[in-house]
Amino acid sequence: MRSSRSFTVDRAILDYLQRTRSGRSRSERVNELLRRAILEEQYEALDKEAAAFFAAAGNMERAESKAFAAASRQSISREDD
């Protein structure tokens, strides 16, 4: 469903749309560019979310690794006695 709205657009953007529309209407070109920009923004948000998730998981893994290493050292020192 299409809906007509009013937006203010910079002249440089209008010029770019005119140069790159390739026979399509400016509205079609604007919609194409907006879809691409929305996807890009969504991918960036997912990247940030993934980075935060893996950073938190990395901290937990480091703590577990340190605990395992300490337990291993303790076990080895018992074997040496």
Protein backbone atom coordinates (compact mmCIF):
# COMPACT_ATOMS: atom_id res chain seq x y z
CA MET A 1 0.00 0.00 0.00
CA ARG A 2 1.37 3.38 -0.95
CA SER A 3 0.78 6.54 0.99
CA SER A 4 1.62 10.08 0.01
CA ARG A 5 3.59 12.07 2.59
CA SER A 6 5.40 15.35 2.52
CA PHE A 7 9.11 15.48 3.36
CA THR A 8 11.78 18.09 2.94
CA VAL A 9 14.74 16.80 0.92
CA ASP A 10 18.05 18.52 0.31
CA ARG A 11 18.67 19.78 -3.21
CA ALA A 12 21.82 17.64 -3.54
CA ILE A 13 19.75 14.52 -2.82
CA LEU A 14 17.15 15.49 -5.41
CA ASP A 15 19.93 16.01 -7.96
CA TYR A 16 21.38 12.58 -7.11
CA LEU A 17 17.95 10.97 -7.50
CA GLN A 18 17.51 12.60 -10.89
CA ARG A 19 20.92 11.34 -12.07
CA THR A 20 20.47 7.78 -10.82
CA ARG A 21 16.82 6.98 -11.42
CA SER A 22 17.43 5.16 -14.75
CA GLY A 23 14.01 5.73 -16.24
CA ARG A 24 12.13 5.11 -13.00
CA SER A 25 10.23 7.77 -11.15
CA ARG A 26 11.97 9.64 -8.38
CA SER A 27 9.50 8.09 -5.92
CA GLU A 28 10.50 4.58 -7.00
CA ARG A 29 14.18 5.50 -6.66
CA VAL A 30 13.61 7.03 -3.21
CA ASN A 31 11.77 3.89 -2.06
CA GLU A 32 14.61 1.70 -3.37
CA LEU A 33 17.24 3.75 -1.54
CA LEU A 34 15.20 3.86 1.67
CA ARG A 35 14.75 0.07 1.64
CA ARG A 36 18.50 -0.36 1.23
CA ALA A 37 19.20 2.13 4.02
CA ILE A 38 16.73 0.40 6.34
CA LEU A 39 18.35 -2.99 5.69
CA GLU A 40 21.79 -1.50 6.31
CA GLU A 41 20.63 0.02 9.58
CA GLN A 42 19.09 -3.31 10.66
CA TYR A 43 22.31 -5.17 9.84
CA GLU A 44 24.31 -2.64 11.86
CA ALA A 45 21.97 -3.13 14.84
CA LEU A 46 22.35 -6.91 14.54
CA ASP A 47 26.14 -6.57 14.39
CA LYS A 48 26.13 -4.48 17.57
CA GLU A 49 23.84 -6.96 19.29
CA ALA A 50 26.04 -9.89 18.27
CA ALA A 51 29.19 -8.08 19.39
CA ALA A 52 27.64 -7.36 22.79
CA PHE A 53 26.48 -10.97 23.14
CA PHE A 54 29.84 -12.48 22.25
CA ALA A 55 31.73 -9.99 24.42
CA ALA A 56 29.62 -11.04 27.41
CA ALA A 57 30.05 -14.72 26.54
CA GLY A 58 33.80 -14.18 26.23
CA ASN A 59 33.98 -12.74 29.74
CA MET A 60 32.14 -15.76 31.17
CA GLU A 61 34.41 -18.15 29.26
CA ARG A 62 37.52 -16.39 30.56
CA ALA A 63 36.30 -16.71 34.14
CA GLU A 64 35.56 -20.39 33.59
CA SER A 65 38.96 -20.93 31.96
CA LYS A 66 40.73 -19.27 34.89
CA ALA A 67 38.80 -21.43 37.37
CA PHE A 68 39.64 -24.57 35.37
CA ALA A 69 43.33 -23.59 35.19
CA ALA A 70 43.43 -22.97 38.95
CA ALA A 71 41.79 -26.33 39.63
CA SER A 72 44.24 -28.03 37.26
CA ARG A 73 47.23 -26.45 39.00
CA GLN A 74 45.86 -27.54 42.35
CA SER A 75 45.34 -31.10 41.08
CA ILE A 76 48.85 -31.25 39.59
CA SER A 77 50.41 -29.93 42.79
CA ARG A 78 48.66 -32.73 44.73
CA GLU A 79 50.11 -35.31 42.35
CA ASP A 80 53.62 -33.94 42.91
CA ASP A 81 53.31 -34.39 46.71
